[in-house]
Amino acid sequence: MTQKYCIKIIFVLLMVGSCTKDTVPEPPICMTVPTFDQSVREIIRNRCNFSGCHDGSSGVGNYNSYSGLDRVLQSGKFKQLVIIEKTMPRSGTLNDAEFESLRCWTENGFLEN
């Protein structure tokens, strides 16, 4: 009986001791507040707005203007696909500066100008 009790205690201690307090690191604080007109338009133009994607001719969105983006911004799809899942753009990954501009733009409410 004592041996079973000791084994149970050791098992419980191992389980408790193996638990960690995993945390997701906080994203860096945005030092600037980018706007669509200031910097985002160029990123969208270079990474998203071309034939077969979001140029308005393929039916999957026209990102030639801020108003063309409004639906995906308001629905949360932009943030989900670009910032969280990082599955867009499909043409390749964003460099660090582009990603940070889009992340900060998203966190600050998608300012137009």
C-alpha atoms as a PDB file:
ATOM      1  CA  MET A   1       0.000   0.000   0.000  1.00  0.00           C
ATOM      2  CA  THR A   2       2.798   2.409   0.867  1.00  0.00           C
ATOM      3  CA  GLN A   3       4.604   1.717  -2.417  1.00  0.00           C
ATOM      4  CA  LYS A   4       1.457   2.515  -4.470  1.00  0.00           C
ATOM      5  CA  TYR A   5       0.975   5.699  -2.462  1.00  0.00           C
ATOM      6  CA  CYS A   6       4.589   6.791  -3.061  1.00  0.00           C
ATOM      7  CA  ILE A   7       4.294   6.055  -6.777  1.00  0.00           C
ATOM      8  CA  LYS A   8       1.117   8.174  -6.978  1.00  0.00           C
ATOM      9  CA  ILE A   9       2.798  11.057  -5.159  1.00  0.00           C
ATOM     10  CA  ILE A  10       5.846  10.880  -7.428  1.00  0.00           C
ATOM     11  CA  PHE A  11       3.581  10.788 -10.483  1.00  0.00           C
ATOM     12  CA  VAL A  12       1.639  13.842  -9.314  1.00  0.00           C
ATOM     13  CA  LEU A  13       4.838  15.737  -8.519  1.00  0.00           C
ATOM     14  CA  LEU A  14       6.270  14.918 -11.944  1.00  0.00           C
ATOM     15  CA  MET A  15       3.089  16.089 -13.654  1.00  0.00           C
ATOM     16  CA  VAL A  16       2.958  19.337 -11.701  1.00  0.00           C
ATOM     17  CA  GLY A  17       6.678  19.940 -12.147  1.00  0.00           C
ATOM     18  CA  SER A  18       6.477  19.390 -15.893  1.00  0.00           C
ATOM     19  CA  CYS A  19       3.882  22.114 -16.385  1.00  0.00           C
ATOM     20  CA  THR A  20       5.198  25.304 -17.861  1.00  0.00           C
ATOM     21  CA  LYS A  21       3.826  28.749 -18.075  1.00  0.00           C
ATOM     22  CA  ASP A  22       4.057  29.249 -21.809  1.00  0.00           C
ATOM     23  CA  THR A  23       3.397  32.761 -22.907  1.00  0.00           C
ATOM     24  CA  VAL A  24       3.063  34.317 -26.295  1.00  0.00           C
ATOM     25  CA  PRO A  25       5.492  37.199 -26.626  1.00  0.00           C
ATOM     26  CA  GLU A  26       3.906  40.598 -27.009  1.00  0.00           C
ATOM     27  CA  PRO A  27       4.395  42.167 -30.435  1.00  0.00           C
ATOM     28  CA  PRO A  28       6.691  45.162 -30.470  1.00  0.00           C
ATOM     29  CA  ILE A  29       5.142  48.543 -29.793  1.00  0.00           C
ATOM     30  CA  CYS A  30       4.384  50.463 -32.962  1.00  0.00           C
ATOM     31  CA  MET A  31       6.691  53.452 -33.094  1.00  0.00           C
ATOM     32  CA  THR A  32       4.836  55.001 -36.024  1.00  0.00           C
ATOM     33  CA  VAL A  33       1.219  54.984 -37.103  1.00  0.00           C
ATOM     34  CA  PRO A  34       1.230  54.247 -40.822  1.00  0.00           C
ATOM     35  CA  THR A  35      -1.655  55.268 -43.024  1.00  0.00           C
ATOM     36  CA  PHE A  36      -2.904  53.821 -46.265  1.00  0.00           C
ATOM     37  CA  ASP A  37      -1.841  56.880 -48.245  1.00  0.00           C
ATOM     38  CA  GLN A  38       1.532  57.171 -46.510  1.00  0.00           C
ATOM     39  CA  SER A  39       2.924  53.633 -46.849  1.00  0.00           C
ATOM     40  CA  VAL A  40       0.338  50.869 -47.014  1.00  0.00           C
ATOM     41  CA  ARG A  41      -0.861  51.655 -50.538  1.00  0.00           C
ATOM     42  CA  GLU A  42       2.615  50.947 -51.931  1.00  0.00           C
ATOM     43  CA  ILE A  43       2.883  47.626 -50.080  1.00  0.00           C
ATOM     44  CA  ILE A  44      -0.563  46.553 -51.307  1.00  0.00           C
ATOM     45  CA  ARG A  45       0.283  47.666 -54.844  1.00  0.00           C
ATOM     46  CA  ASN A  46       3.557  45.721 -54.893  1.00  0.00           C
ATOM     47  CA  ARG A  47       2.421  42.581 -53.073  1.00  0.00           C
ATOM     48  CA  CYS A  48      -1.320  42.149 -53.681  1.00  0.00           C
ATOM     49  CA  ASN A  49      -2.563  44.275 -56.550  1.00  0.00           C
ATOM     50  CA  PHE A  50      -1.640  42.465 -59.740  1.00  0.00           C
ATOM     51  CA  SER A  51      -3.302  40.297 -62.364  1.00  0.00           C
ATOM     52  CA  GLY A  52      -4.946  37.224 -60.909  1.00  0.00           C
ATOM     53  CA  CYS A  53      -5.037  38.555 -57.376  1.00  0.00           C
ATOM     54  CA  HIS A  54      -6.528  41.777 -56.046  1.00  0.00           C
ATOM     55  CA  ASP A  55      -6.368  44.072 -59.065  1.00  0.00           C
ATOM     56  CA  GLY A  56     -10.109  44.057 -59.654  1.00  0.00           C
ATOM     57  CA  SER A  57     -10.080  41.860 -62.752  1.00  0.00           C
ATOM     58  CA  SER A  58     -10.202  38.454 -61.060  1.00  0.00           C
ATOM     59  CA  GLY A  59     -13.244  38.894 -58.830  1.00  0.00           C
ATOM     60  CA  VAL A  60     -11.342  38.362 -55.563  1.00  0.00           C
ATOM     61  CA  GLY A  61     -11.231  42.006 -54.577  1.00  0.00           C
ATOM     62  CA  ASN A  62     -10.076  45.283 -55.969  1.00  0.00           C
ATOM     63  CA  TYR A  63      -7.360  46.740 -53.780  1.00  0.00           C
ATOM     64  CA  ASN A  64      -6.613  49.663 -56.081  1.00  0.00           C
ATOM     65  CA  SER A  65      -8.104  51.982 -53.461  1.00  0.00           C
ATOM     66  CA  TYR A  66      -8.799  52.204 -49.759  1.00  0.00           C
ATOM     67  CA  SER A  67     -12.524  51.756 -50.397  1.00  0.00           C
ATOM     68  CA  GLY A  68     -11.754  48.537 -52.262  1.00  0.00           C
ATOM     69  CA  LEU A  69     -10.119  47.159 -49.110  1.00  0.00           C
ATOM     70  CA  ASP A  70     -12.853  48.287 -46.733  1.00  0.00           C
ATOM     71  CA  ARG A  71     -14.870  45.054 -46.805  1.00  0.00           C
ATOM     72  CA  VAL A  72     -11.914  42.821 -45.836  1.00  0.00           C
ATOM     73  CA  LEU A  73     -10.697  45.315 -43.254  1.00  0.00           C
ATOM     74  CA  GLN A  74     -14.064  45.535 -41.505  1.00  0.00           C
ATOM     75  CA  SER A  75     -14.714  41.782 -41.626  1.00  0.00           C
ATOM     76  CA  GLY A  76     -11.389  40.995 -39.961  1.00  0.00           C
ATOM     77  CA  LYS A  77     -10.190  38.899 -42.910  1.00  0.00           C
ATOM     78  CA  PHE A  78      -7.241  41.173 -43.612  1.00  0.00           C
ATOM     79  CA  LYS A  79      -5.937  40.874 -40.069  1.00  0.00           C
ATOM     80  CA  GLN A  80      -6.601  37.139 -39.945  1.00  0.00           C
ATOM     81  CA  LEU A  81      -4.921  36.256 -43.250  1.00  0.00           C
ATOM     82  CA  VAL A  82      -2.085  38.790 -43.344  1.00  0.00           C
ATOM     83  CA  ILE A  83      -1.169  39.394 -39.699  1.00  0.00           C
ATOM     84  CA  ILE A  84      -2.221  36.276 -37.781  1.00  0.00           C
ATOM     85  CA  GLU A  85      -2.035  33.373 -40.238  1.00  0.00           C
ATOM     86  CA  LYS A  86       0.499  35.017 -42.550  1.00  0.00           C
ATOM     87  CA  THR A  87      -1.016  33.194 -45.537  1.00  0.00           C
ATOM     88  CA  MET A  88      -1.217  36.337 -47.647  1.00  0.00           C
ATOM     89  CA  PRO A  89       0.192  37.535 -49.891  1.00  0.00           C
ATOM     90  CA  ARG A  90       0.389  34.362 -51.908  1.00  0.00           C
ATOM     91  CA  SER A  91       3.020  35.935 -54.129  1.00  0.00           C
ATOM     92  CA  GLY A  92       5.574  35.507 -51.339  1.00  0.00           C
ATOM     93  CA  THR A  93       6.285  36.620 -47.834  1.00  0.00           C
ATOM     94  CA  LEU A  94       6.411  40.201 -46.695  1.00  0.00           C
ATOM     95  CA  ASN A  95       9.752  41.524 -45.561  1.00  0.00           C
ATOM     96  CA  ASP A  96      10.005  42.607 -41.920  1.00  0.00           C
ATOM     97  CA  ALA A  97       9.438  46.302 -42.639  1.00  0.00           C
ATOM     98  CA  GLU A  98       6.353  45.602 -44.769  1.00  0.00           C
ATOM     99  CA  PHE A  99       4.895  43.255 -42.172  1.00  0.00           C
ATOM    100  CA  GLU A 100       5.476  45.753 -39.351  1.00  0.00           C
ATOM    101  CA  SER A 101       3.839  48.547 -41.365  1.00  0.00           C
ATOM    102  CA  LEU A 102       0.768  46.402 -42.010  1.00  0.00           C
ATOM    103  CA  ARG A 103       0.660  45.152 -38.406  1.00  0.00           C
ATOM    104  CA  CYS A 104       0.858  48.676 -37.011  1.00  0.00           C
ATOM    105  CA  TRP A 105      -1.687  49.906 -39.546  1.00  0.00           C
ATOM    106  CA  THR A 106      -4.029  47.117 -38.433  1.00  0.00           C
ATOM    107  CA  GLU A 107      -3.488  47.784 -34.720  1.00  0.00           C
ATOM    108  CA  ASN A 108      -4.209  51.488 -35.193  1.00  0.00           C
ATOM    109  CA  GLY A 109      -7.519  51.087 -36.986  1.00  0.00           C
ATOM    110  CA  PHE A 110      -6.586  51.104 -40.695  1.00  0.00           C
ATOM    111  CA  LEU A 111      -6.126  54.855 -41.049  1.00  0.00           C
ATOM    112  CA  GLU A 112      -6.569  56.126 -44.580  1.00  0.00           C
ATOM    113  CA  ASN A 113      -4.579  59.379 -44.510  1.00  0.00           C
END
